[in-house]
N, C-alpha and C. Protein backbone atom coordinates (compact mmCIF):
# COMPACT_ATOMS: atom_id res chain seq x y z
N UNK A 1 0.84 -1.18 0.00
CA UNK A 1 0.00 0.00 0.00
C UNK A 1 0.89 1.25 0.00
N UNK A 2 0.59 2.19 -0.90
CA UNK A 2 1.34 3.43 -0.98
C UNK A 2 0.95 4.33 0.18
N UNK A 3 1.96 4.93 0.77
CA UNK A 3 1.69 5.94 1.79
C UNK A 3 1.63 7.29 1.10
N UNK A 4 1.16 8.30 1.83
CA UNK A 4 1.10 9.65 1.27
C UNK A 4 2.48 10.12 0.85
N UNK A 5 3.51 9.80 1.63
CA UNK A 5 4.86 10.24 1.28
C UNK A 5 5.37 9.54 0.03
N UNK A 6 4.99 8.27 -0.20
CA UNK A 6 5.37 7.56 -1.43
C UNK A 6 4.75 8.23 -2.64
N UNK A 7 3.49 8.57 -2.53
CA UNK A 7 2.77 9.21 -3.63
C UNK A 7 3.35 10.59 -3.90
N UNK A 8 3.64 11.36 -2.84
CA UNK A 8 4.24 12.68 -3.01
C UNK A 8 5.60 12.57 -3.66
N UNK A 9 6.39 11.57 -3.29
CA UNK A 9 7.71 11.36 -3.86
C UNK A 9 7.62 11.02 -5.34
N UNK A 10 6.69 10.14 -5.70
CA UNK A 10 6.50 9.77 -7.10
C UNK A 10 6.06 10.97 -7.92
N UNK A 11 5.16 11.78 -7.37
CA UNK A 11 4.69 12.98 -8.07
C UNK A 11 5.82 13.96 -8.25
N UNK A 12 6.65 14.14 -7.22
CA UNK A 12 7.80 15.03 -7.27
C UNK A 12 8.78 14.58 -8.35
N UNK A 13 9.11 13.28 -8.37
CA UNK A 13 10.05 12.77 -9.36
C UNK A 13 9.49 12.88 -10.78
N UNK A 14 8.21 12.66 -10.96
CA UNK A 14 7.59 12.80 -12.27
C UNK A 14 7.64 14.25 -12.72
N UNK A 15 7.42 15.17 -11.80
CA UNK A 15 7.49 16.60 -12.11
C UNK A 15 8.91 16.98 -12.53
N UNK A 16 9.90 16.48 -11.81
CA UNK A 16 11.30 16.76 -12.16
C UNK A 16 11.61 16.21 -13.54
N UNK A 17 11.22 14.98 -13.81
CA UNK A 17 11.46 14.36 -15.12
C UNK A 17 10.82 15.22 -16.21
N UNK A 18 9.58 15.60 -16.04
CA UNK A 18 8.88 16.41 -17.03
C UNK A 18 9.59 17.74 -17.27
N UNK A 19 9.96 18.41 -16.17
CA UNK A 19 10.63 19.70 -16.28
C UNK A 19 11.98 19.56 -16.99
N UNK A 20 12.70 18.51 -16.68
CA UNK A 20 14.02 18.32 -17.29
C UNK A 20 13.92 17.95 -18.76
N UNK A 21 12.92 17.19 -19.13
CA UNK A 21 12.72 16.87 -20.55
C UNK A 21 12.45 18.14 -21.35
N UNK A 22 11.61 19.00 -20.81
CA UNK A 22 11.31 20.26 -21.49
C UNK A 22 12.57 21.13 -21.57
N UNK A 23 13.26 21.25 -20.44
CA UNK A 23 14.47 22.08 -20.38
C UNK A 23 15.52 21.60 -21.39
N UNK A 24 15.77 20.30 -21.42
CA UNK A 24 16.77 19.76 -22.34
C UNK A 24 16.38 19.99 -23.80
N UNK A 25 15.12 19.79 -24.10
CA UNK A 25 14.66 19.98 -25.47
C UNK A 25 14.83 21.44 -25.88
N UNK A 26 14.45 22.36 -24.99
CA UNK A 26 14.54 23.78 -25.32
C UNK A 26 16.00 24.26 -25.36
N UNK A 27 16.84 23.75 -24.46
CA UNK A 27 18.26 24.11 -24.48
C UNK A 27 18.91 23.71 -25.81
N UNK A 28 18.43 22.63 -26.36
CA UNK A 28 18.97 22.14 -27.64
C UNK A 28 18.20 22.70 -28.84
N UNK A 29 17.26 23.63 -28.56
CA UNK A 29 16.48 24.32 -29.60
C UNK A 29 15.79 23.33 -30.53
N UNK A 30 15.14 22.34 -29.90
CA UNK A 30 14.45 21.30 -30.65
C UNK A 30 12.95 21.38 -30.41
N UNK A 31 12.19 21.07 -31.42
CA UNK A 31 10.75 20.94 -31.26
C UNK A 31 10.43 19.49 -30.86
N UNK A 32 9.23 19.29 -30.37
CA UNK A 32 8.81 17.91 -30.09
C UNK A 32 8.82 17.09 -31.36
N UNK A 33 8.45 17.69 -32.47
CA UNK A 33 8.46 16.97 -33.75
C UNK A 33 9.87 16.53 -34.12
N UNK A 34 10.85 17.39 -33.92
CA UNK A 34 12.23 17.05 -34.25
C UNK A 34 12.74 15.93 -33.35
N UNK A 35 12.46 16.03 -32.06
CA UNK A 35 12.87 14.97 -31.14
C UNK A 35 12.22 13.66 -31.54
N UNK A 36 10.96 13.72 -31.90
CA UNK A 36 10.24 12.53 -32.34
C UNK A 36 10.90 11.91 -33.58
N UNK A 37 11.23 12.74 -34.54
CA UNK A 37 11.84 12.26 -35.78
C UNK A 37 13.19 11.60 -35.50
N UNK A 38 14.00 12.23 -34.66
CA UNK A 38 15.35 11.71 -34.39
C UNK A 38 15.31 10.45 -33.53
N UNK A 39 14.44 10.43 -32.53
CA UNK A 39 14.43 9.32 -31.57
C UNK A 39 13.47 8.19 -31.93
N UNK A 40 12.59 8.44 -32.85
CA UNK A 40 11.53 7.49 -33.22
C UNK A 40 10.49 7.27 -32.14
N UNK A 41 10.42 8.18 -31.16
CA UNK A 41 9.32 8.16 -30.20
C UNK A 41 8.20 9.00 -30.80
N UNK A 42 6.96 8.55 -30.71
CA UNK A 42 5.86 9.37 -31.23
C UNK A 42 5.82 10.74 -30.54
N UNK A 43 5.48 11.78 -31.31
CA UNK A 43 5.42 13.13 -30.73
C UNK A 43 4.42 13.18 -29.58
N UNK A 44 3.32 12.45 -29.72
CA UNK A 44 2.31 12.45 -28.66
C UNK A 44 2.87 11.85 -27.36
N UNK A 45 3.77 10.90 -27.49
CA UNK A 45 4.41 10.30 -26.31
C UNK A 45 5.34 11.31 -25.65
N UNK A 46 6.13 11.98 -26.46
CA UNK A 46 7.03 13.01 -25.92
C UNK A 46 6.23 14.09 -25.20
N UNK A 47 5.14 14.52 -25.82
CA UNK A 47 4.29 15.53 -25.20
C UNK A 47 3.71 15.04 -23.88
N UNK A 48 3.28 13.78 -23.83
CA UNK A 48 2.72 13.22 -22.60
C UNK A 48 3.78 13.13 -21.50
N UNK A 49 5.01 12.78 -21.88
CA UNK A 49 6.10 12.77 -20.88
C UNK A 49 6.33 14.16 -20.33
N UNK A 50 6.35 15.15 -21.22
CA UNK A 50 6.60 16.52 -20.80
C UNK A 50 5.46 17.09 -19.95
N UNK A 51 4.27 16.62 -20.16
CA UNK A 51 3.12 17.05 -19.34
C UNK A 51 3.00 16.25 -18.05
N UNK A 52 3.81 15.21 -17.91
CA UNK A 52 3.72 14.36 -16.72
C UNK A 52 2.55 13.41 -16.74
N UNK A 53 2.01 13.15 -17.92
CA UNK A 53 0.87 12.25 -18.04
C UNK A 53 1.28 10.80 -18.25
N UNK A 54 2.49 10.59 -18.71
CA UNK A 54 3.03 9.24 -18.91
C UNK A 54 4.46 9.21 -18.39
N UNK A 55 4.88 8.04 -18.01
CA UNK A 55 6.24 7.84 -17.52
C UNK A 55 6.98 6.94 -18.51
N UNK A 56 8.15 7.37 -18.98
CA UNK A 56 8.90 6.49 -19.88
C UNK A 56 9.34 5.23 -19.15
N UNK A 57 9.42 4.13 -19.89
CA UNK A 57 9.93 2.90 -19.27
C UNK A 57 11.45 2.97 -19.19
N UNK A 58 12.06 1.97 -18.62
CA UNK A 58 13.50 1.97 -18.37
C UNK A 58 14.30 2.14 -19.67
N UNK A 59 13.94 1.41 -20.70
CA UNK A 59 14.66 1.52 -21.97
C UNK A 59 14.48 2.91 -22.59
N UNK A 60 13.28 3.47 -22.48
CA UNK A 60 13.04 4.80 -23.01
C UNK A 60 13.85 5.84 -22.26
N UNK A 61 13.92 5.73 -20.94
CA UNK A 61 14.71 6.67 -20.14
C UNK A 61 16.18 6.58 -20.53
N UNK A 62 16.67 5.38 -20.71
CA UNK A 62 18.07 5.18 -21.12
C UNK A 62 18.31 5.85 -22.47
N UNK A 63 17.42 5.65 -23.41
CA UNK A 63 17.58 6.24 -24.74
C UNK A 63 17.47 7.77 -24.72
N UNK A 64 16.59 8.30 -23.89
CA UNK A 64 16.47 9.75 -23.74
C UNK A 64 17.78 10.32 -23.19
N UNK A 65 18.32 9.66 -22.15
CA UNK A 65 19.57 10.11 -21.55
C UNK A 65 20.70 10.10 -22.58
N UNK A 66 20.78 9.04 -23.38
CA UNK A 66 21.81 8.98 -24.42
C UNK A 66 21.60 10.09 -25.46
N UNK A 67 20.37 10.32 -25.85
CA UNK A 67 20.06 11.34 -26.85
C UNK A 67 20.52 12.72 -26.37
N UNK A 68 20.20 13.07 -25.13
CA UNK A 68 20.54 14.40 -24.60
C UNK A 68 21.92 14.43 -23.94
N UNK A 69 22.62 13.29 -23.90
CA UNK A 69 23.95 13.19 -23.30
C UNK A 69 23.94 13.63 -21.83
N UNK A 70 22.99 13.07 -21.09
CA UNK A 70 22.88 13.30 -19.66
C UNK A 70 22.75 11.95 -18.96
N UNK A 71 22.91 11.95 -17.65
CA UNK A 71 22.77 10.69 -16.92
C UNK A 71 21.30 10.40 -16.64
N UNK A 72 21.01 9.14 -16.45
CA UNK A 72 19.66 8.73 -16.05
C UNK A 72 19.33 9.36 -14.70
N UNK A 73 20.30 9.41 -13.82
CA UNK A 73 20.10 10.03 -12.50
C UNK A 73 19.67 11.48 -12.61
N UNK A 74 20.25 12.20 -13.56
CA UNK A 74 19.85 13.60 -13.78
C UNK A 74 18.39 13.67 -14.24
N UNK A 75 18.04 12.86 -15.23
CA UNK A 75 16.66 12.87 -15.73
C UNK A 75 15.65 12.59 -14.64
N UNK A 76 15.99 11.68 -13.76
CA UNK A 76 15.04 11.25 -12.73
C UNK A 76 15.10 12.11 -11.46
N UNK A 77 16.02 13.09 -11.43
CA UNK A 77 16.07 13.98 -10.30
C UNK A 77 16.94 13.51 -9.14
N UNK A 78 17.72 12.47 -9.36
CA UNK A 78 18.61 11.99 -8.30
C UNK A 78 19.92 12.76 -8.25
N UNK A 79 20.26 13.42 -9.36
CA UNK A 79 21.48 14.22 -9.46
C UNK A 79 21.13 15.57 -10.08
N UNK A 80 21.86 16.59 -9.65
CA UNK A 80 21.64 17.92 -10.23
C UNK A 80 22.59 18.18 -11.40
N UNK A 81 23.69 17.45 -11.47
CA UNK A 81 24.62 17.59 -12.59
C UNK A 81 24.18 16.68 -13.72
N UNK A 82 24.31 17.17 -14.95
CA UNK A 82 23.84 16.42 -16.10
C UNK A 82 24.60 15.11 -16.30
N UNK A 83 25.85 15.08 -15.95
CA UNK A 83 26.65 13.86 -16.11
C UNK A 83 27.30 13.46 -14.82
């Protein structure tokens, strides 16, 4: 059973992931369409990740980290440094 603190933690981490995906995309001056084209993730999926409506699976997170040249820990909010 999830406790309130577990749910708050998951929400916080999802918010960090969403914010970092948007930040990385904008820092690289990319549109969602361009990221979709390069990564082969549907644009609607990228948009849902950025809105915090969906969570990427482990393989997707790994591929996103490789694409943006950041660590998985950074994407998930465990580290503040990109690498």
